Amino acid sequence: MAKYRIEIKKSAVKEISKLPVIDLKKILKEIESLTDNPRPFGAIKLSGDDKYRLRVGSYRILYQIFDSKLIVTLVKIGHRKDVYK
C-alpha cells in the first residue's frame, strides 16, 4: 500500500505549537500513523463535511483525505470543547 503525504494548514501549525508537550507527543505519533492508514480504527467521517476526526485523549485532529493524490491535509487540531467551532 502506498504511503500518504501529510500536509498541514498554517492555522493547524499554530494550533500544534500551542499544545502541551505531554499531549503533543501522542498527537504527533497519531499524525505520523496517518501516512500508512488514513482511516484507522476510531476515525470517524464527519457528517455534512468531507473531513475525518481522530481522537487523541481530550484532543481532536480534523483532516481531509485526497486518495487520488495520496495526501492527508490536517485542517484543525485542538481540545474537544473548541475544535468544532
N, C-alpha and C. Protein backbone atom coordinates (compact mmCIF):
# COMPACT_ATOMS: atom_id res chain seq x y z
N MET A 1 0.84 -1.18 0.00
CA MET A 1 0.00 0.00 0.00
C MET A 1 0.89 1.25 0.00
N ALA A 2 0.52 2.22 -0.79
CA ALA A 2 1.31 3.44 -0.91
C ALA A 2 1.17 4.31 0.33
N LYS A 3 2.22 5.06 0.61
CA LYS A 3 2.18 5.96 1.76
C LYS A 3 1.57 7.29 1.36
N TYR A 4 0.80 7.83 2.27
CA TYR A 4 0.21 9.15 2.07
C TYR A 4 1.17 10.21 2.58
N ARG A 5 1.08 11.40 2.00
CA ARG A 5 1.89 12.52 2.44
C ARG A 5 1.03 13.41 3.33
N ILE A 6 1.60 13.93 4.38
CA ILE A 6 0.90 14.79 5.32
C ILE A 6 1.15 16.25 4.96
N GLU A 7 0.07 17.02 4.81
CA GLU A 7 0.16 18.46 4.64
C GLU A 7 -0.58 19.10 5.80
N ILE A 8 -0.03 20.19 6.31
CA ILE A 8 -0.62 20.85 7.47
C ILE A 8 -0.93 22.29 7.10
N LYS A 9 -2.18 22.70 7.31
CA LYS A 9 -2.56 24.09 7.05
C LYS A 9 -1.85 25.00 8.05
N LYS A 10 -1.63 26.26 7.66
CA LYS A 10 -0.94 27.21 8.52
C LYS A 10 -1.64 27.38 9.86
N SER A 11 -2.97 27.39 9.84
CA SER A 11 -3.72 27.55 11.09
C SER A 11 -3.51 26.35 12.01
N ALA A 12 -3.39 25.16 11.43
CA ALA A 12 -3.15 23.96 12.24
C ALA A 12 -1.74 23.97 12.84
N VAL A 13 -0.77 24.55 12.13
CA VAL A 13 0.59 24.66 12.66
C VAL A 13 0.58 25.52 13.92
N LYS A 14 -0.16 26.61 13.89
CA LYS A 14 -0.27 27.48 15.06
C LYS A 14 -0.91 26.74 16.23
N GLU A 15 -1.95 25.95 15.92
CA GLU A 15 -2.63 25.19 16.98
C GLU A 15 -1.70 24.15 17.58
N ILE A 16 -0.90 23.50 16.75
CA ILE A 16 0.05 22.50 17.25
C ILE A 16 1.08 23.14 18.17
N SER A 17 1.54 24.33 17.82
CA SER A 17 2.56 24.99 18.62
C SER A 17 2.06 25.39 20.01
N LYS A 18 0.76 25.47 20.19
CA LYS A 18 0.18 25.87 21.47
C LYS A 18 -0.16 24.68 22.37
N LEU A 19 0.02 23.46 21.88
CA LEU A 19 -0.35 22.27 22.65
C LEU A 19 0.66 21.99 23.75
N PRO A 20 0.19 21.41 24.88
CA PRO A 20 1.11 20.99 25.93
C PRO A 20 2.04 19.89 25.43
N VAL A 21 3.27 19.88 25.90
CA VAL A 21 4.29 18.94 25.43
C VAL A 21 3.87 17.48 25.64
N ILE A 22 3.25 17.20 26.76
CA ILE A 22 2.83 15.82 27.06
C ILE A 22 1.87 15.30 26.00
N ASP A 23 0.89 16.12 25.63
CA ASP A 23 -0.10 15.71 24.64
C ASP A 23 0.46 15.78 23.22
N LEU A 24 1.40 16.67 23.00
CA LEU A 24 1.98 16.86 21.67
C LEU A 24 2.63 15.58 21.15
N LYS A 25 3.33 14.86 22.01
CA LYS A 25 3.99 13.62 21.59
C LYS A 25 2.98 12.60 21.08
N LYS A 26 1.87 12.44 21.80
CA LYS A 26 0.84 11.49 21.39
C LYS A 26 0.20 11.92 20.07
N ILE A 27 -0.07 13.22 19.94
CA ILE A 27 -0.72 13.73 18.74
C ILE A 27 0.18 13.56 17.52
N LEU A 28 1.47 13.87 17.66
CA LEU A 28 2.40 13.72 16.55
C LEU A 28 2.54 12.26 16.12
N LYS A 29 2.49 11.36 17.09
CA LYS A 29 2.56 9.93 16.78
C LYS A 29 1.34 9.51 15.95
N GLU A 30 0.16 9.99 16.33
CA GLU A 30 -1.06 9.67 15.59
C GLU A 30 -1.03 10.29 14.19
N ILE A 31 -0.53 11.51 14.09
CA ILE A 31 -0.44 12.16 12.77
C ILE A 31 0.47 11.36 11.86
N GLU A 32 1.60 10.91 12.39
CA GLU A 32 2.53 10.13 11.58
C GLU A 32 1.93 8.80 11.14
N SER A 33 1.08 8.21 11.97
CA SER A 33 0.46 6.94 11.62
C SER A 33 -0.53 7.09 10.46
N LEU A 34 -1.00 8.31 10.21
CA LEU A 34 -1.92 8.54 9.10
C LEU A 34 -1.27 8.34 7.75
N THR A 35 0.06 8.36 7.68
CA THR A 35 0.73 8.14 6.40
C THR A 35 0.54 6.70 5.91
N ASP A 36 0.44 5.76 6.83
CA ASP A 36 0.23 4.36 6.46
C ASP A 36 -1.25 4.03 6.29
N ASN A 37 -2.09 4.56 7.16
CA ASN A 37 -3.52 4.26 7.14
C ASN A 37 -4.30 5.52 7.49
N PRO A 38 -4.82 6.24 6.50
CA PRO A 38 -5.53 7.48 6.80
C PRO A 38 -6.92 7.27 7.41
N ARG A 39 -7.39 6.04 7.42
CA ARG A 39 -8.69 5.73 8.03
C ARG A 39 -8.51 4.65 9.10
N PRO A 40 -7.80 4.97 10.19
CA PRO A 40 -7.56 3.95 11.22
C PRO A 40 -8.83 3.67 12.01
N PHE A 41 -8.79 2.62 12.80
CA PHE A 41 -9.90 2.30 13.68
C PHE A 41 -10.11 3.48 14.63
N GLY A 42 -11.32 3.95 14.73
CA GLY A 42 -11.62 5.08 15.61
C GLY A 42 -11.77 6.39 14.86
N ALA A 43 -11.33 6.45 13.61
CA ALA A 43 -11.50 7.66 12.81
C ALA A 43 -12.95 7.69 12.32
N ILE A 44 -13.57 8.83 12.46
CA ILE A 44 -14.99 8.97 12.10
C ILE A 44 -15.13 10.05 11.05
N LYS A 45 -15.90 9.74 9.99
CA LYS A 45 -16.19 10.73 8.96
C LYS A 45 -17.25 11.67 9.51
N LEU A 46 -17.00 12.97 9.39
CA LEU A 46 -17.94 13.96 9.89
C LEU A 46 -19.09 14.11 8.91
N SER A 47 -20.30 14.19 9.43
CA SER A 47 -21.47 14.32 8.57
C SER A 47 -21.52 15.74 8.00
N GLY A 48 -21.91 15.84 6.74
CA GLY A 48 -22.03 17.13 6.10
C GLY A 48 -20.72 17.74 5.68
N ASP A 49 -19.64 17.04 5.90
CA ASP A 49 -18.30 17.54 5.57
C ASP A 49 -17.51 16.41 4.92
N ASP A 50 -16.45 16.77 4.27
CA ASP A 50 -15.58 15.76 3.70
C ASP A 50 -14.33 15.60 4.56
N LYS A 51 -14.54 15.66 5.88
CA LYS A 51 -13.43 15.59 6.83
C LYS A 51 -13.61 14.38 7.74
N TYR A 52 -12.49 14.00 8.35
CA TYR A 52 -12.48 12.92 9.32
C TYR A 52 -12.01 13.46 10.66
N ARG A 53 -12.39 12.77 11.73
CA ARG A 53 -12.00 13.15 13.08
C ARG A 53 -11.28 11.98 13.72
N LEU A 54 -10.20 12.31 14.41
CA LEU A 54 -9.45 11.29 15.14
C LEU A 54 -9.27 11.78 16.57
N ARG A 55 -9.63 10.94 17.53
CA ARG A 55 -9.50 11.28 18.95
C ARG A 55 -8.11 10.93 19.45
N VAL A 56 -7.53 11.85 20.21
CA VAL A 56 -6.27 11.60 20.91
C VAL A 56 -6.45 12.20 22.29
N GLY A 57 -6.91 11.40 23.24
CA GLY A 57 -7.20 11.90 24.58
C GLY A 57 -8.31 12.93 24.53
N SER A 58 -8.07 14.12 25.06
CA SER A 58 -9.05 15.20 25.05
C SER A 58 -8.95 16.05 23.80
N TYR A 59 -8.07 15.69 22.89
CA TYR A 59 -7.85 16.48 21.68
C TYR A 59 -8.41 15.77 20.46
N ARG A 60 -8.71 16.56 19.44
CA ARG A 60 -9.23 16.03 18.19
C ARG A 60 -8.38 16.53 17.03
N ILE A 61 -8.18 15.66 16.06
CA ILE A 61 -7.47 16.00 14.84
C ILE A 61 -8.50 15.93 13.72
N LEU A 62 -8.73 17.04 13.04
CA LEU A 62 -9.64 17.07 11.89
C LEU A 62 -8.79 17.12 10.63
N TYR A 63 -9.11 16.23 9.68
CA TYR A 63 -8.30 16.16 8.47
C TYR A 63 -9.13 15.73 7.27
N GLN A 64 -8.59 16.01 6.09
CA GLN A 64 -9.20 15.61 4.85
C GLN A 64 -8.28 14.62 4.15
N ILE A 65 -8.88 13.71 3.38
CA ILE A 65 -8.11 12.71 2.65
C ILE A 65 -8.35 12.90 1.16
N PHE A 66 -7.25 12.99 0.41
CA PHE A 66 -7.32 13.08 -1.04
C PHE A 66 -6.66 11.81 -1.60
N ASP A 67 -7.49 10.78 -1.83
CA ASP A 67 -6.97 9.48 -2.25
C ASP A 67 -6.29 9.53 -3.62
N SER A 68 -6.80 10.35 -4.52
CA SER A 68 -6.22 10.39 -5.87
C SER A 68 -4.79 10.92 -5.86
N LYS A 69 -4.47 11.81 -4.89
CA LYS A 69 -3.13 12.39 -4.81
C LYS A 69 -2.30 11.80 -3.66
N LEU A 70 -2.91 10.91 -2.89
CA LEU A 70 -2.27 10.30 -1.71
C LEU A 70 -1.81 11.38 -0.72
N ILE A 71 -2.73 12.28 -0.37
CA ILE A 71 -2.44 13.37 0.55
C ILE A 71 -3.45 13.38 1.68
N VAL A 72 -2.95 13.59 2.90
CA VAL A 72 -3.80 13.83 4.08
C VAL A 72 -3.51 15.26 4.52
N THR A 73 -4.54 16.10 4.55
CA THR A 73 -4.37 17.50 4.94
C THR A 73 -4.96 17.72 6.32
N LEU A 74 -4.12 18.13 7.27
CA LEU A 74 -4.58 18.43 8.61
C LEU A 74 -5.23 19.81 8.59
N VAL A 75 -6.49 19.86 8.99
CA VAL A 75 -7.24 21.10 8.93
C VAL A 75 -7.24 21.82 10.28
N LYS A 76 -7.48 21.07 11.34
CA LYS A 76 -7.60 21.68 12.66
C LYS A 76 -7.20 20.67 13.73
N ILE A 77 -6.55 21.16 14.76
CA ILE A 77 -6.16 20.33 15.89
C ILE A 77 -6.44 21.14 17.15
N GLY A 78 -7.19 20.56 18.08
CA GLY A 78 -7.49 21.31 19.28
C GLY A 78 -8.22 20.49 20.32
N HIS A 79 -8.48 21.13 21.44
CA HIS A 79 -9.20 20.49 22.53
C HIS A 79 -10.63 20.21 22.07
N ARG A 80 -11.20 19.15 22.56
CA ARG A 80 -12.51 18.71 22.09
C ARG A 80 -13.61 19.74 22.28
N LYS A 81 -13.47 20.62 23.28
CA LYS A 81 -14.53 21.62 23.51
C LYS A 81 -14.46 22.78 22.52
N ASP A 82 -13.30 22.95 21.85
CA ASP A 82 -13.12 24.09 20.95
C ASP A 82 -13.00 23.74 19.48
N VAL A 83 -12.69 22.51 19.17
CA VAL A 83 -12.27 22.16 17.81
C VAL A 83 -13.40 22.26 16.77
N TYR A 84 -14.63 22.11 17.15
CA TYR A 84 -15.72 22.10 16.18
C TYR A 84 -16.30 23.49 15.94
N LYS A 85 -15.81 24.50 16.62
CA LYS A 85 -16.35 25.87 16.47
C LYS A 85 -15.80 26.56 15.25
